[in-house]
Amino acid sequence: MSYREGTYVVDTRTATLAQVMATVGRSVYVRPPGGGREWEAPPEALRLATREEKQAR
């Protein structure tokens, strides 16, 4: 699955809510909502965040 910039996702490796910043090849670059250090995640480690997860941030 590919994710558009700005989409809220959860990195399932750490259960961390993140926002997609960019996709380059097979790498997805995400960061915490509101800013912070960006990290790289494989697309298979991400899932769409639920409404509840986005509201709890």
N, C-alpha and C. Protein backbone atom coordinates (compact mmCIF):
# COMPACT_ATOMS: atom_id res chain seq x y z
N MET A 1 0.85 -1.18 0.00
CA MET A 1 0.00 0.00 0.00
C MET A 1 0.89 1.24 0.00
N SER A 2 0.47 2.26 -0.71
CA SER A 2 1.21 3.52 -0.69
C SER A 2 0.38 4.55 0.09
N TYR A 3 1.09 5.46 0.74
CA TYR A 3 0.43 6.46 1.59
C TYR A 3 0.73 7.86 1.06
N ARG A 4 -0.27 8.71 1.06
CA ARG A 4 -0.09 10.09 0.62
C ARG A 4 0.50 10.92 1.74
N GLU A 5 1.21 11.98 1.35
CA GLU A 5 1.76 12.90 2.33
C GLU A 5 0.64 13.44 3.21
N GLY A 6 0.91 13.52 4.51
CA GLY A 6 -0.07 14.03 5.46
C GLY A 6 -0.93 12.98 6.11
N THR A 7 -0.92 11.76 5.57
CA THR A 7 -1.73 10.68 6.12
C THR A 7 -1.22 10.26 7.49
N TYR A 8 -2.13 10.02 8.42
CA TYR A 8 -1.75 9.52 9.74
C TYR A 8 -1.70 8.00 9.70
N VAL A 9 -0.58 7.47 10.18
CA VAL A 9 -0.35 6.04 10.18
C VAL A 9 0.19 5.62 11.55
N VAL A 10 0.23 4.32 11.77
CA VAL A 10 0.86 3.77 12.97
C VAL A 10 2.00 2.88 12.51
N ASP A 11 3.19 3.11 13.05
CA ASP A 11 4.32 2.23 12.79
C ASP A 11 4.12 1.03 13.71
N THR A 12 3.76 -0.10 13.15
CA THR A 12 3.41 -1.27 13.95
C THR A 12 4.60 -1.88 14.68
N ARG A 13 5.80 -1.50 14.29
CA ARG A 13 6.99 -2.02 14.98
C ARG A 13 7.10 -1.44 16.38
N THR A 14 6.58 -0.22 16.57
CA THR A 14 6.71 0.46 17.87
C THR A 14 5.37 0.97 18.38
N ALA A 15 4.29 0.75 17.63
CA ALA A 15 2.95 1.25 17.97
C ALA A 15 2.94 2.77 18.11
N THR A 16 3.70 3.44 17.23
CA THR A 16 3.83 4.89 17.29
C THR A 16 3.00 5.56 16.21
N LEU A 17 2.19 6.55 16.62
CA LEU A 17 1.42 7.34 15.68
C LEU A 17 2.38 8.26 14.93
N ALA A 18 2.20 8.36 13.63
CA ALA A 18 3.08 9.18 12.81
C ALA A 18 2.31 9.78 11.64
N GLN A 19 2.93 10.76 11.01
CA GLN A 19 2.35 11.39 9.82
C GLN A 19 3.34 11.20 8.67
N VAL A 20 2.83 10.80 7.52
CA VAL A 20 3.69 10.56 6.36
C VAL A 20 4.19 11.89 5.82
N MET A 21 5.52 11.97 5.64
CA MET A 21 6.16 13.16 5.10
C MET A 21 6.52 12.98 3.64
N ALA A 22 6.96 11.77 3.28
CA ALA A 22 7.36 11.50 1.90
C ALA A 22 7.47 10.01 1.68
N THR A 23 7.38 9.62 0.41
CA THR A 23 7.63 8.26 0.00
C THR A 23 8.66 8.31 -1.11
N VAL A 24 9.75 7.57 -0.92
CA VAL A 24 10.83 7.52 -1.91
C VAL A 24 11.12 6.06 -2.19
N GLY A 25 10.80 5.62 -3.38
CA GLY A 25 10.97 4.20 -3.70
C GLY A 25 10.11 3.37 -2.77
N ARG A 26 10.72 2.43 -2.07
CA ARG A 26 9.97 1.60 -1.12
C ARG A 26 10.05 2.11 0.30
N SER A 27 10.65 3.26 0.50
CA SER A 27 10.78 3.82 1.85
C SER A 27 9.73 4.89 2.10
N VAL A 28 9.17 4.87 3.30
CA VAL A 28 8.21 5.88 3.71
C VAL A 28 8.85 6.65 4.87
N TYR A 29 8.86 7.97 4.76
CA TYR A 29 9.43 8.81 5.80
C TYR A 29 8.29 9.42 6.60
N VAL A 30 8.34 9.20 7.91
CA VAL A 30 7.28 9.63 8.81
C VAL A 30 7.88 10.40 9.97
N ARG A 31 7.02 11.15 10.67
CA ARG A 31 7.45 11.84 11.88
C ARG A 31 6.25 11.98 12.80
N PRO A 32 6.49 12.27 14.07
CA PRO A 32 5.38 12.43 15.00
C PRO A 32 4.49 13.60 14.58
N PRO A 33 3.18 13.50 14.81
CA PRO A 33 2.30 14.62 14.49
C PRO A 33 2.76 15.88 15.23
N GLY A 34 2.78 16.99 14.54
CA GLY A 34 3.18 18.24 15.16
C GLY A 34 4.68 18.49 15.11
N GLY A 35 5.44 17.55 14.56
CA GLY A 35 6.87 17.76 14.41
C GLY A 35 7.70 16.77 15.20
N GLY A 36 8.97 16.84 14.99
CA GLY A 36 9.88 15.93 15.66
C GLY A 36 10.77 15.24 14.65
N ARG A 37 11.59 14.35 15.15
CA ARG A 37 12.56 13.66 14.31
C ARG A 37 11.88 12.67 13.37
N GLU A 38 12.22 12.76 12.10
CA GLU A 38 11.69 11.88 11.07
C GLU A 38 12.40 10.53 11.12
N TRP A 39 11.69 9.46 10.72
CA TRP A 39 12.32 8.16 10.59
C TRP A 39 11.79 7.47 9.36
N GLU A 40 12.51 6.46 8.94
CA GLU A 40 12.16 5.70 7.75
C GLU A 40 11.47 4.41 8.17
N ALA A 41 10.42 4.05 7.45
CA ALA A 41 9.70 2.82 7.75
C ALA A 41 9.35 2.11 6.46
N PRO A 42 9.43 0.79 6.45
CA PRO A 42 8.96 0.07 5.27
C PRO A 42 7.44 0.12 5.24
N PRO A 43 6.85 0.20 4.06
CA PRO A 43 5.39 0.32 3.98
C PRO A 43 4.64 -0.82 4.65
N GLU A 44 5.22 -2.01 4.68
CA GLU A 44 4.53 -3.14 5.31
C GLU A 44 4.50 -3.03 6.83
N ALA A 45 5.28 -2.12 7.41
CA ALA A 45 5.26 -1.91 8.86
C ALA A 45 4.27 -0.83 9.27
N LEU A 46 3.58 -0.24 8.30
CA LEU A 46 2.63 0.84 8.59
C LEU A 46 1.20 0.39 8.36
N ARG A 47 0.31 1.00 9.12
CA ARG A 47 -1.13 0.82 8.88
C ARG A 47 -1.79 2.17 9.09
N LEU A 48 -2.95 2.35 8.50
CA LEU A 48 -3.69 3.60 8.70
C LEU A 48 -4.08 3.75 10.17
N ALA A 49 -3.97 4.95 10.69
CA ALA A 49 -4.38 5.23 12.07
C ALA A 49 -5.90 5.30 12.13
N THR A 50 -6.45 4.84 13.23
CA THR A 50 -7.89 4.94 13.43
C THR A 50 -8.25 6.37 13.86
N ARG A 51 -9.50 6.69 13.79
CA ARG A 51 -9.98 8.00 14.24
C ARG A 51 -9.62 8.22 15.71
N GLU A 52 -9.81 7.18 16.51
CA GLU A 52 -9.51 7.29 17.95
C GLU A 52 -8.03 7.57 18.20
N GLU A 53 -7.17 6.90 17.43
CA GLU A 53 -5.73 7.12 17.59
C GLU A 53 -5.35 8.54 17.21
N LYS A 54 -5.95 9.07 16.16
CA LYS A 54 -5.65 10.45 15.75
C LYS A 54 -6.15 11.46 16.77
N GLN A 55 -7.30 11.20 17.38
CA GLN A 55 -7.87 12.13 18.36
C GLN A 55 -7.11 12.10 19.68
N ALA A 56 -6.48 10.98 20.01
CA ALA A 56 -5.78 10.84 21.28
C ALA A 56 -4.42 11.53 21.27
N ARG A 57 -3.98 11.97 20.12
CA ARG A 57 -2.65 12.58 20.03
C ARG A 57 -2.66 13.87 20.75
